[in-house]
Amino acid sequence: MPGLVFSSALFGNMFGTEEMRALFNDSALVGRYIEVECALARAQARLGVIPVDAADEIMAAASRIHVDMDLMRKETENVGYPILPIVHQLSKEAGDAGGYLHWGATTQDIMDTATALQVRDALNVIRRDLVELREILVSLALKHRNTPMAGRTHLQQALPTTFGNKAAVWLSAIDRHVTRLDQIMPRVAVGQFSGASGTLASVGEGGLEMQALLCEELGLEQPAMCWHVARDGLAEAVAYLGLVTGSLAKIATDVMIMCSVEFGEVAEPFVHGRGASSTMPQKRNPISSEMILAGAKIVRQHVAAMMDAMIQDFERATGPWHVEWVVIPEAFLLTAAGLTHAKFMLSGLIVDKKRMRQNLDLTHGLIVAESVMMAAAPKLGRQLAHEVVYDACRAALDQGDPLADILCNNKEIVSALGGEDQVRAHCEPEAYLGLSGQMVDRAIALSGHTQNTQDLETADGL
């Protein structure tokens, strides 16, 4: 096994994506440090704090510098932080103008602002993938709006539902995640420039204006206060990833169980050899769902680590900050991977409507016992209707007969429902789907889409 699956040639794209790795790799991170230093120089030049020529030369040096990563590594291991090492190299490249580099800043100002830039761009990737997944789920819910299947509670058949209703439940969670992301972005994409103890004493008057211009240069929000040791913003970002991957894992769990031979209601997209066993030729394992579930479990632990890392001492922490360096990139990589697996799996999901209908008949009508009970309740009273139908269910189970046959031999039920034909009608699963279709329509509409349900009913063969 590799020491780190995220950079493994074998496992890397199962636990992350190339796009997300490109946002968090060493080269990108050092590039962000340089970007922040340059933005600070530009902001200070605009205020006349440093010469404009010096800022221009710092920018020119940044554009031509070839960072010695080996030297960076050695100095970072010695110093404990990477900012002094990059300042050494960039200031040397900038010549005399290098004396104005990093003016009034502290290491954490640069690192936190760089992290904010990474998180902002990473969240934009997550948002794009969520929107794409939302479109896939809208199509799935629309296509199967009227596809009947067994609804299950406590892993037991409960009442009939539709597969479109199940997909719409998944969709509603993804919709909320898109909304949440837009809400948290202003609290997460925030710059940091406060000086050594968070007071901007190093720059004095005009420091807040300098801070505002730095954030403006980078397209970040200006902080209300120094957040060197107030880490709720970044903790919220990782907690958000925990919510996203948790919803993905719920979807994956449903799919995995429905893929099992005993259910046989769906299957992940067929790709030759995907999910194959080295010894059992018949196997077709739900690999995408398994990877989604595994990733969600890891992100959940990362959320806990970020909550713990919020507990920081005084004006600069003595260790909790470093936890973020591990947790944030890994949480984003795992979430990106989960979304990629989900998009692949759900866009090509094979839905077996015939098997869903067969499973509805497994209990020989017991799944619609509530339908009969509620229909009889106006005449018998709810409690008596429940007792009568309950006894009929027990008899059907004991004798192995269809519930409709048992009920048709019960004079109270036949009389309450108005004849045997009505009893049998109430024992049809398709007749007891409730408002599932309307609920699907509403979920899709709230997701910003419209649909023609008449066309759907024709297309679905109902």
Protein backbone atom coordinates (compact mmCIF):
# COMPACT_ATOMS: atom_id res chain seq x y z
CA MET A 1 0.00 0.00 0.00
CA PRO A 2 1.24 3.52 -0.71
CA GLY A 3 1.86 5.89 2.15
CA LEU A 4 -0.76 8.30 0.77
CA VAL A 5 -3.65 7.13 -1.41
CA PHE A 6 -4.30 10.66 -2.62
CA SER A 7 -1.05 10.76 -4.60
CA SER A 8 -0.95 7.04 -5.43
CA ALA A 9 -0.71 6.05 -9.08
CA LEU A 10 -3.06 3.16 -8.26
CA PHE A 11 -5.61 4.76 -5.96
CA GLY A 12 -5.31 8.49 -6.61
CA ASN A 13 -8.34 8.88 -8.86
CA MET A 14 -10.48 6.69 -6.61
CA PHE A 15 -9.91 9.04 -3.64
CA GLY A 16 -9.57 12.33 -5.50
CA THR A 17 -9.55 14.02 -8.90
CA GLU A 18 -6.77 15.55 -10.96
CA GLU A 19 -8.61 18.86 -10.97
CA MET A 20 -8.81 19.02 -7.18
CA ARG A 21 -5.24 17.81 -6.73
CA ALA A 22 -4.12 20.65 -9.00
CA LEU A 23 -5.66 23.14 -6.56
CA PHE A 24 -3.87 21.72 -3.52
CA ASN A 25 -0.52 20.38 -4.74
CA ASP A 26 2.78 21.93 -3.63
CA SER A 27 3.22 23.95 -6.79
CA ALA A 28 -0.27 25.44 -6.51
CA LEU A 29 0.18 26.19 -2.81
CA VAL A 30 3.50 27.98 -3.28
CA GLY A 31 1.92 29.82 -6.20
CA ARG A 32 -0.81 31.04 -3.87
CA TYR A 33 1.76 32.28 -1.35
CA ILE A 34 3.42 34.28 -4.11
CA GLU A 35 0.05 35.55 -5.33
CA VAL A 36 -0.81 36.85 -1.86
CA GLU A 37 2.60 38.52 -1.42
CA CYS A 38 2.20 40.23 -4.78
CA ALA A 39 -1.34 41.35 -3.99
CA LEU A 40 -0.11 42.80 -0.71
CA ALA A 41 2.61 44.70 -2.54
CA ARG A 42 0.10 46.08 -5.06
CA ALA A 43 -2.28 47.16 -2.29
CA GLN A 44 0.50 48.88 -0.39
CA ALA A 45 1.74 50.61 -3.54
CA ARG A 46 -1.78 51.91 -4.17
CA LEU A 47 -1.68 53.47 -0.71
CA GLY A 48 1.84 54.85 -1.16
CA VAL A 49 3.21 52.65 1.63
CA ILE A 50 5.82 51.14 -0.69
CA PRO A 51 7.08 52.52 -4.02
CA VAL A 52 5.06 51.61 -7.09
CA ASP A 53 8.31 50.62 -8.83
CA ALA A 54 9.03 48.18 -6.02
CA ALA A 55 5.61 46.56 -6.38
CA ASP A 56 6.12 46.32 -10.13
CA GLU A 57 9.48 44.62 -9.66
CA ILE A 58 8.03 42.21 -7.13
CA MET A 59 5.36 41.30 -9.69
CA ALA A 60 7.98 40.86 -12.39
CA ALA A 61 10.09 38.69 -10.10
CA ALA A 62 7.07 36.54 -9.32
CA SER A 63 6.41 35.98 -13.01
CA ARG A 64 9.94 34.77 -13.74
CA ILE A 65 10.97 32.99 -10.55
CA HIS A 66 11.75 29.28 -10.64
CA VAL A 67 11.16 28.20 -7.07
CA ASP A 68 13.77 25.82 -5.71
CA MET A 69 11.38 23.31 -4.15
CA ASP A 70 14.13 21.25 -2.60
CA LEU A 71 15.48 24.32 -0.80
CA MET A 72 11.90 25.24 0.14
CA ARG A 73 11.42 21.81 1.68
CA LYS A 74 14.65 21.95 3.69
CA GLU A 75 13.98 25.44 5.03
CA THR A 76 10.34 24.65 5.78
CA GLU A 77 11.34 21.60 7.80
CA ASN A 78 13.78 23.80 9.71
CA VAL A 79 11.57 26.86 10.22
CA GLY A 80 8.33 24.93 10.61
CA TYR A 81 6.48 27.13 8.10
CA PRO A 82 6.94 27.75 4.36
CA ILE A 83 6.53 31.53 4.19
CA LEU A 84 10.01 32.63 5.29
CA PRO A 85 11.57 30.25 2.74
CA ILE A 86 9.48 31.59 -0.15
CA VAL A 87 10.07 35.18 0.96
CA HIS A 88 13.83 34.47 0.85
CA GLN A 89 13.67 33.26 -2.73
CA LEU A 90 11.22 35.86 -4.02
CA SER A 91 12.99 38.80 -2.38
CA LYS A 92 16.29 37.63 -3.84
CA GLU A 93 14.72 37.44 -7.29
CA ALA A 94 13.29 40.95 -6.86
CA GLY A 95 16.64 42.53 -5.99
CA ASP A 96 16.44 45.86 -4.14
CA ALA A 97 12.63 45.77 -4.39
CA GLY A 98 12.71 42.62 -2.30
CA GLY A 99 13.20 44.79 0.75
CA TYR A 100 9.55 45.83 0.44
CA LEU A 101 8.22 42.28 0.19
CA HIS A 102 6.03 40.91 3.02
CA TRP A 103 5.72 44.44 4.46
CA GLY A 104 3.94 44.34 7.81
CA ALA A 105 2.64 40.80 7.31
CA THR A 106 3.06 37.72 9.46
CA THR A 107 3.41 34.13 8.26
CA GLN A 108 -0.16 33.17 9.10
CA ASP A 109 -1.53 36.16 7.19
CA ILE A 110 -0.06 34.77 4.00
CA MET A 111 -0.86 31.13 4.69
CA ASP A 112 -4.45 31.77 5.75
CA THR A 113 -5.14 33.98 2.76
CA ALA A 114 -3.64 31.38 0.45
CA THR A 115 -5.86 28.74 2.05
CA ALA A 116 -8.89 30.97 1.58
CA LEU A 117 -8.07 31.23 -2.13
CA GLN A 118 -7.71 27.46 -2.41
CA VAL A 119 -10.93 26.80 -0.54
CA ARG A 120 -12.83 29.36 -2.60
CA ASP A 121 -11.76 27.76 -5.88
CA ALA A 122 -12.28 24.25 -4.52
CA LEU A 123 -15.82 25.13 -3.40
CA ASN A 124 -16.53 26.46 -6.88
CA VAL A 125 -15.54 23.07 -8.28
CA ILE A 126 -17.77 21.36 -5.73
CA ARG A 127 -20.64 23.67 -6.67
CA ARG A 128 -20.27 22.90 -10.36
CA ASP A 129 -20.31 19.16 -9.66
CA LEU A 130 -23.35 19.51 -7.40
CA VAL A 131 -25.23 21.36 -10.14
CA GLU A 132 -24.31 18.65 -12.64
CA LEU A 133 -25.43 15.96 -10.19
CA ARG A 134 -28.66 17.87 -9.64
CA GLU A 135 -29.39 17.74 -13.37
CA ILE A 136 -28.81 13.99 -13.39
CA LEU A 137 -31.17 13.50 -10.46
CA VAL A 138 -33.84 15.70 -12.04
CA SER A 139 -33.73 13.49 -15.13
CA LEU A 140 -33.89 10.34 -13.02
CA ALA A 141 -36.83 11.59 -10.96
CA LEU A 142 -38.61 12.78 -14.09
CA LYS A 143 -38.11 9.54 -15.97
CA HIS A 144 -39.30 7.38 -13.07
CA ARG A 145 -41.97 9.66 -11.63
CA ASN A 146 -44.52 6.88 -12.04
CA THR A 147 -42.34 3.79 -11.67
CA PRO A 148 -43.84 1.89 -8.71
CA MET A 149 -41.61 0.14 -6.22
CA ALA A 150 -41.68 -0.97 -2.62
CA GLY A 151 -40.97 1.69 -0.05
CA ARG A 152 -39.05 0.25 2.87
CA THR A 153 -38.70 1.20 6.52
CA HIS A 154 -36.42 -0.68 8.92
CA LEU A 155 -35.38 -2.71 5.83
CA GLN A 156 -38.92 -4.13 5.63
CA GLN A 157 -41.45 -3.43 2.91
CA ALA A 158 -43.70 -0.64 4.17
CA LEU A 159 -45.87 1.05 1.53
CA PRO A 160 -45.63 1.47 -2.24
CA THR A 161 -43.74 4.45 -3.58
CA THR A 162 -42.08 5.32 -6.89
CA PHE A 163 -38.47 5.29 -7.87
CA GLY A 164 -38.93 8.86 -9.02
CA ASN A 165 -39.96 9.78 -5.50
CA LYS A 166 -36.80 8.19 -4.13
CA ALA A 167 -34.67 10.08 -6.67
CA ALA A 168 -36.47 13.31 -5.77
CA VAL A 169 -35.58 12.81 -2.10
CA TRP A 170 -31.94 12.53 -3.18
CA LEU A 171 -32.39 15.62 -5.37
CA SER A 172 -33.80 17.73 -2.55
CA ALA A 173 -30.67 17.14 -0.45
CA ILE A 174 -28.39 18.15 -3.32
CA ASP A 175 -30.48 21.29 -3.86
CA ARG A 176 -29.98 22.24 -0.23
CA HIS A 177 -26.24 21.72 -0.53
CA VAL A 178 -26.08 24.16 -3.46
CA THR A 179 -27.96 26.71 -1.37
CA ARG A 180 -25.72 26.10 1.65
CA LEU A 181 -22.60 26.57 -0.44
CA ASP A 182 -23.75 29.97 -1.67
CA GLN A 183 -24.51 30.95 1.91
CA ILE A 184 -21.18 29.92 3.41
CA MET A 185 -18.93 31.31 0.68
CA PRO A 186 -18.83 34.88 2.12
CA ARG A 187 -17.86 33.42 5.51
CA VAL A 188 -15.13 31.20 4.07
CA ALA A 189 -13.56 33.17 1.22
CA VAL A 190 -12.11 35.76 3.58
CA GLY A 191 -8.64 37.31 3.47
CA GLN A 192 -6.25 37.60 6.39
CA PHE A 193 -3.91 40.52 7.11
CA SER A 194 -3.62 41.40 10.76
CA GLY A 195 0.06 41.26 11.72
CA ALA A 196 1.81 39.27 14.40
CA SER A 197 -0.77 39.56 17.18
CA GLY A 198 -3.78 40.54 15.13
CA THR A 199 -3.55 44.30 15.75
CA LEU A 200 -1.88 45.57 12.54
CA ALA A 201 0.60 47.43 14.74
CA SER A 202 3.25 46.78 12.09
CA VAL A 203 1.55 49.14 9.62
CA GLY A 204 -0.36 51.45 11.96
CA GLU A 205 -2.79 54.01 10.54
CA GLY A 206 -4.30 52.96 7.25
CA GLY A 207 -3.91 49.29 8.10
CA LEU A 208 -7.57 48.48 7.69
CA GLU A 209 -7.65 50.20 4.32
CA MET A 210 -4.58 48.18 3.37
CA GLN A 211 -6.36 45.04 4.49
CA ALA A 212 -9.40 45.97 2.40
CA LEU A 213 -7.31 46.61 -0.70
CA LEU A 214 -5.48 43.30 -0.29
CA CYS A 215 -8.80 41.47 -0.18
CA GLU A 216 -10.04 43.47 -3.14
CA GLU A 217 -6.96 42.51 -5.14
CA LEU A 218 -7.64 38.83 -4.47
CA GLY A 219 -11.42 38.85 -4.74
CA LEU A 220 -11.88 37.88 -1.11
CA GLU A 221 -14.06 39.28 1.65
CA GLN A 222 -12.47 41.61 4.22
CA PRO A 223 -12.53 40.02 7.68
CA ALA A 224 -14.49 41.63 10.49
CA MET A 225 -11.62 40.77 12.83
CA CYS A 226 -8.40 38.85 12.74
CA TRP A 227 -9.19 35.13 12.47
CA HIS A 228 -5.74 33.70 13.29
CA VAL A 229 -7.33 31.73 16.12
CA ALA A 230 -11.03 32.01 15.17
CA ARG A 231 -11.24 29.09 12.77
CA ASP A 232 -15.00 28.70 12.43
CA GLY A 233 -14.96 29.69 8.76
CA LEU A 234 -12.66 26.90 7.64
CA ALA A 235 -14.29 24.49 10.07
CA GLU A 236 -17.64 25.33 8.50
CA ALA A 237 -16.23 24.60 5.04
CA VAL A 238 -15.10 21.12 6.07
CA ALA A 239 -18.32 20.50 7.98
CA TYR A 240 -20.13 21.40 4.78
CA LEU A 241 -18.11 18.77 2.93
CA GLY A 242 -19.20 16.33 5.62
CA LEU A 243 -22.84 17.13 4.83
CA VAL A 244 -22.30 16.72 1.10
CA THR A 245 -20.50 13.40 1.39
CA GLY A 246 -23.06 12.24 3.96
CA SER A 247 -25.85 12.78 1.43
CA LEU A 248 -23.83 11.05 -1.27
CA ALA A 249 -23.27 8.11 1.07
CA LYS A 250 -27.02 7.86 1.74
CA ILE A 251 -27.62 7.61 -2.02
CA ALA A 252 -24.80 5.08 -2.36
CA THR A 253 -26.20 2.95 0.46
CA ASP A 254 -29.63 2.83 -1.18
CA VAL A 255 -28.08 1.88 -4.50
CA MET A 256 -25.80 -0.79 -3.01
CA ILE A 257 -28.68 -2.53 -1.27
CA MET A 258 -30.92 -2.26 -4.32
CA CYS A 259 -28.07 -3.75 -6.40
CA SER A 260 -27.96 -6.89 -4.26
CA VAL A 261 -29.19 -10.04 -5.97
CA GLU A 262 -32.07 -10.39 -3.52
CA PHE A 263 -33.37 -6.94 -4.56
CA GLY A 264 -32.07 -6.68 -8.13
CA GLU A 265 -33.84 -3.36 -8.70
CA VAL A 266 -30.91 -1.30 -9.99
CA ALA A 267 -27.37 -1.81 -11.20
CA GLU A 268 -24.44 0.52 -11.60
CA PRO A 269 -23.47 1.32 -15.22
CA PHE A 270 -21.97 -1.64 -17.03
CA VAL A 271 -18.33 -1.29 -18.03
CA HIS A 272 -16.52 -4.45 -19.03
CA GLY A 273 -14.60 -5.75 -16.03
CA ARG A 274 -15.82 -3.05 -13.64
CA GLY A 275 -16.56 -4.48 -10.21
CA ALA A 276 -15.38 -7.91 -11.28
CA SER A 277 -14.10 -10.58 -8.92
CA SER A 278 -10.74 -12.29 -9.40
CA THR A 279 -12.37 -15.67 -8.80
CA MET A 280 -16.16 -15.38 -9.21
CA PRO A 281 -17.04 -14.61 -12.86
CA GLN A 282 -20.63 -13.68 -12.04
CA LYS A 283 -19.76 -10.84 -9.67
CA ARG A 284 -20.54 -7.21 -10.50
CA ASN A 285 -19.76 -5.20 -7.40
CA PRO A 286 -21.13 -1.64 -6.94
CA ILE A 287 -17.67 -0.05 -6.92
CA SER A 288 -18.75 3.59 -7.31
CA SER A 289 -21.14 3.34 -4.36
CA GLU A 290 -18.49 1.63 -2.26
CA MET A 291 -15.97 4.40 -2.93
CA ILE A 292 -18.57 7.07 -2.10
CA LEU A 293 -19.30 5.40 1.22
CA ALA A 294 -15.62 4.97 2.11
CA GLY A 295 -14.87 8.61 1.32
CA ALA A 296 -17.78 9.85 3.42
CA LYS A 297 -16.54 7.92 6.43
CA ILE A 298 -13.11 9.57 6.16
CA VAL A 299 -14.52 13.07 5.66
CA ARG A 300 -16.69 12.60 8.74
CA GLN A 301 -13.54 12.03 10.79
CA HIS A 302 -11.97 15.10 9.21
CA VAL A 303 -14.96 17.16 10.31
CA ALA A 304 -14.33 16.02 13.87
CA ALA A 305 -10.64 16.95 13.52
CA MET A 306 -11.58 20.46 12.36
CA MET A 307 -13.94 20.89 15.28
CA ASP A 308 -11.11 19.95 17.60
CA ALA A 309 -8.70 22.28 15.79
CA MET A 310 -11.00 25.22 16.56
CA ILE A 311 -9.84 25.11 20.17
CA GLN A 312 -6.81 27.40 19.94
CA ASP A 313 -4.87 29.24 22.60
CA PHE A 314 -4.61 33.02 22.88
CA GLU A 315 -3.58 34.99 19.77
CA ARG A 316 -1.61 32.26 17.97
CA ALA A 317 -2.14 28.53 18.34
CA THR A 318 0.51 26.05 19.43
CA GLY A 319 -0.47 23.18 17.14
CA PRO A 320 -4.19 23.00 16.24
CA TRP A 321 -3.60 25.18 13.17
CA HIS A 322 -1.39 22.48 11.67
CA VAL A 323 -4.28 20.00 11.67
CA GLU A 324 -5.91 22.06 8.93
CA TRP A 325 -2.93 21.53 6.63
CA VAL A 326 -3.77 17.83 6.54
CA VAL A 327 -7.54 17.91 6.79
CA ILE A 328 -8.60 20.58 4.30
CA PRO A 329 -6.93 19.19 1.15
CA GLU A 330 -7.92 15.61 1.94
CA ALA A 331 -11.54 16.52 2.67
CA PHE A 332 -11.84 18.36 -0.64
CA LEU A 333 -10.18 15.55 -2.58
CA LEU A 334 -12.51 12.96 -1.07
CA THR A 335 -15.59 15.10 -1.73
CA ALA A 336 -14.58 15.72 -5.34
CA ALA A 337 -14.06 11.98 -5.79
CA GLY A 338 -17.44 11.22 -4.23
CA LEU A 339 -19.20 13.63 -6.57
CA THR A 340 -17.38 12.19 -9.58
CA HIS A 341 -18.35 8.64 -8.60
CA ALA A 342 -21.95 9.75 -7.99
CA LYS A 343 -22.25 11.49 -11.35
CA PHE A 344 -20.92 8.44 -13.16
CA MET A 345 -23.05 5.99 -11.22
CA LEU A 346 -26.35 7.88 -11.37
CA SER A 347 -26.05 9.10 -14.96
CA GLY A 348 -25.87 5.50 -16.17
CA LEU A 349 -27.90 3.79 -13.45
CA ILE A 350 -29.75 0.76 -14.80
CA VAL A 351 -33.27 0.64 -13.37
CA ASP A 352 -35.15 -2.67 -13.57
CA LYS A 353 -38.82 -1.64 -13.45
CA LYS A 354 -39.98 -5.22 -13.92
CA ARG A 355 -38.03 -6.39 -10.87
CA MET A 356 -39.38 -3.49 -8.84
CA ARG A 357 -42.90 -4.58 -9.72
CA GLN A 358 -42.12 -8.20 -8.86
CA ASN A 359 -40.81 -7.14 -5.48
CA LEU A 360 -44.03 -5.25 -4.85
CA ASP A 361 -45.83 -8.60 -5.12
CA LEU A 362 -43.52 -10.48 -2.76
CA THR A 363 -45.86 -10.05 0.20
CA HIS A 364 -48.99 -10.95 -1.80
CA GLY A 365 -50.65 -7.67 -0.96
CA LEU A 366 -49.44 -7.06 2.59
CA ILE A 367 -47.67 -3.90 1.44
CA VAL A 368 -51.04 -2.22 0.89
CA ALA A 369 -52.67 -3.30 4.15
CA GLU A 370 -52.79 0.36 5.21
CA SER A 371 -54.81 1.16 2.08
CA VAL A 372 -57.52 -1.27 3.11
CA MET A 373 -57.43 -0.13 6.72
CA MET A 374 -57.83 3.56 5.85
CA ALA A 375 -60.62 2.79 3.37
CA ALA A 376 -62.52 0.78 6.00
CA ALA A 377 -61.90 3.26 8.84
CA PRO A 378 -64.79 5.64 8.03
CA LYS A 379 -67.25 2.76 8.50
CA LEU A 380 -65.53 0.65 11.17
CA GLY A 381 -63.52 3.28 13.01
CA ARG A 382 -59.78 3.45 12.67
CA GLN A 383 -58.91 1.18 15.61
CA LEU A 384 -61.31 -1.61 14.69
CA ALA A 385 -60.27 -1.39 11.03
CA HIS A 386 -56.64 -1.70 12.11
CA GLU A 387 -57.40 -4.78 14.24
CA VAL A 388 -59.39 -6.51 11.53
CA VAL A 389 -56.77 -5.90 8.84
CA TYR A 390 -53.99 -6.82 11.28
CA ASP A 391 -55.62 -10.20 11.89
CA ALA A 392 -56.08 -10.68 8.14
CA CYS A 393 -52.36 -9.98 7.59
CA ARG A 394 -51.44 -12.60 10.18
CA ALA A 395 -53.74 -15.11 8.50
CA ALA A 396 -52.28 -14.34 5.07
CA LEU A 397 -48.77 -14.90 6.42
CA ASP A 398 -49.72 -18.12 8.19
CA GLN A 399 -51.66 -19.59 5.26
CA GLY A 400 -49.53 -18.17 2.45
CA ASP A 401 -52.60 -16.76 0.71
CA PRO A 402 -52.95 -13.32 -0.95
CA LEU A 403 -54.22 -10.66 1.45
CA ALA A 404 -57.07 -9.84 -0.95
CA ASP A 405 -58.41 -13.39 -0.72
CA ILE A 406 -58.32 -13.31 3.07
CA LEU A 407 -60.05 -9.93 3.17
CA CYS A 408 -62.73 -10.98 0.71
CA ASN A 409 -63.76 -13.64 3.22
CA ASN A 410 -64.20 -10.98 5.92
CA LYS A 411 -67.76 -9.66 5.86
CA GLU A 412 -66.90 -6.55 7.87
CA ILE A 413 -64.24 -5.44 5.39
CA VAL A 414 -66.29 -6.33 2.31
CA SER A 415 -69.25 -4.38 3.67
CA ALA A 416 -67.13 -1.39 4.72
CA LEU A 417 -65.45 -1.14 1.30
CA GLY A 418 -68.57 -1.80 -0.76
CA GLY A 419 -67.90 -5.21 -2.26
CA GLU A 420 -65.16 -7.65 -3.16
CA ASP A 421 -64.16 -5.69 -6.28
CA GLN A 422 -63.41 -2.68 -4.10
CA VAL A 423 -61.43 -4.82 -1.69
CA ARG A 424 -59.27 -6.13 -4.53
CA ALA A 425 -58.90 -2.62 -5.99
CA HIS A 426 -57.55 -1.37 -2.68
CA CYS A 427 -55.02 -4.23 -2.71
CA GLU A 428 -53.35 -2.96 -5.92
CA PRO A 429 -50.00 -1.27 -5.08
CA GLU A 430 -50.28 1.23 -7.96
CA ALA A 431 -53.51 2.50 -6.44
CA TYR A 432 -51.80 3.51 -3.21
CA LEU A 433 -48.90 5.72 -4.30
CA GLY A 434 -50.28 8.69 -2.43
CA LEU A 435 -49.02 12.06 -3.61
CA SER A 436 -45.65 10.73 -4.73
CA GLY A 437 -46.10 12.10 -8.25
CA GLN A 438 -47.04 15.56 -7.03
CA MET A 439 -44.15 15.52 -4.59
CA VAL A 440 -41.74 14.66 -7.39
CA ASP A 441 -43.15 17.52 -9.46
CA ARG A 442 -42.71 19.92 -6.57
CA ALA A 443 -39.12 18.85 -5.91
CA ILE A 444 -38.25 19.28 -9.56
CA ALA A 445 -39.96 22.67 -9.72
CA LEU A 446 -38.12 23.85 -6.62
CA SER A 447 -34.93 22.76 -8.34
CA GLY A 448 -35.71 25.21 -11.12
CA HIS A 449 -37.22 22.83 -13.68
CA THR A 450 -40.63 22.17 -15.21
CA GLN A 451 -42.08 19.00 -16.65
CA ASN A 452 -45.08 17.69 -18.56
CA THR A 453 -46.51 14.93 -16.39
CA GLN A 454 -48.97 13.82 -19.11
CA ASP A 455 -46.09 13.09 -21.44
CA LEU A 456 -44.33 11.29 -18.60
CA GLU A 457 -47.27 9.00 -17.96
CA THR A 458 -47.35 8.08 -21.64
CA ALA A 459 -43.60 7.51 -21.78
CA ASP A 460 -43.70 5.40 -18.63
CA GLY A 461 -46.40 3.18 -20.05
CA LEU A 462 -48.89 3.89 -17.25
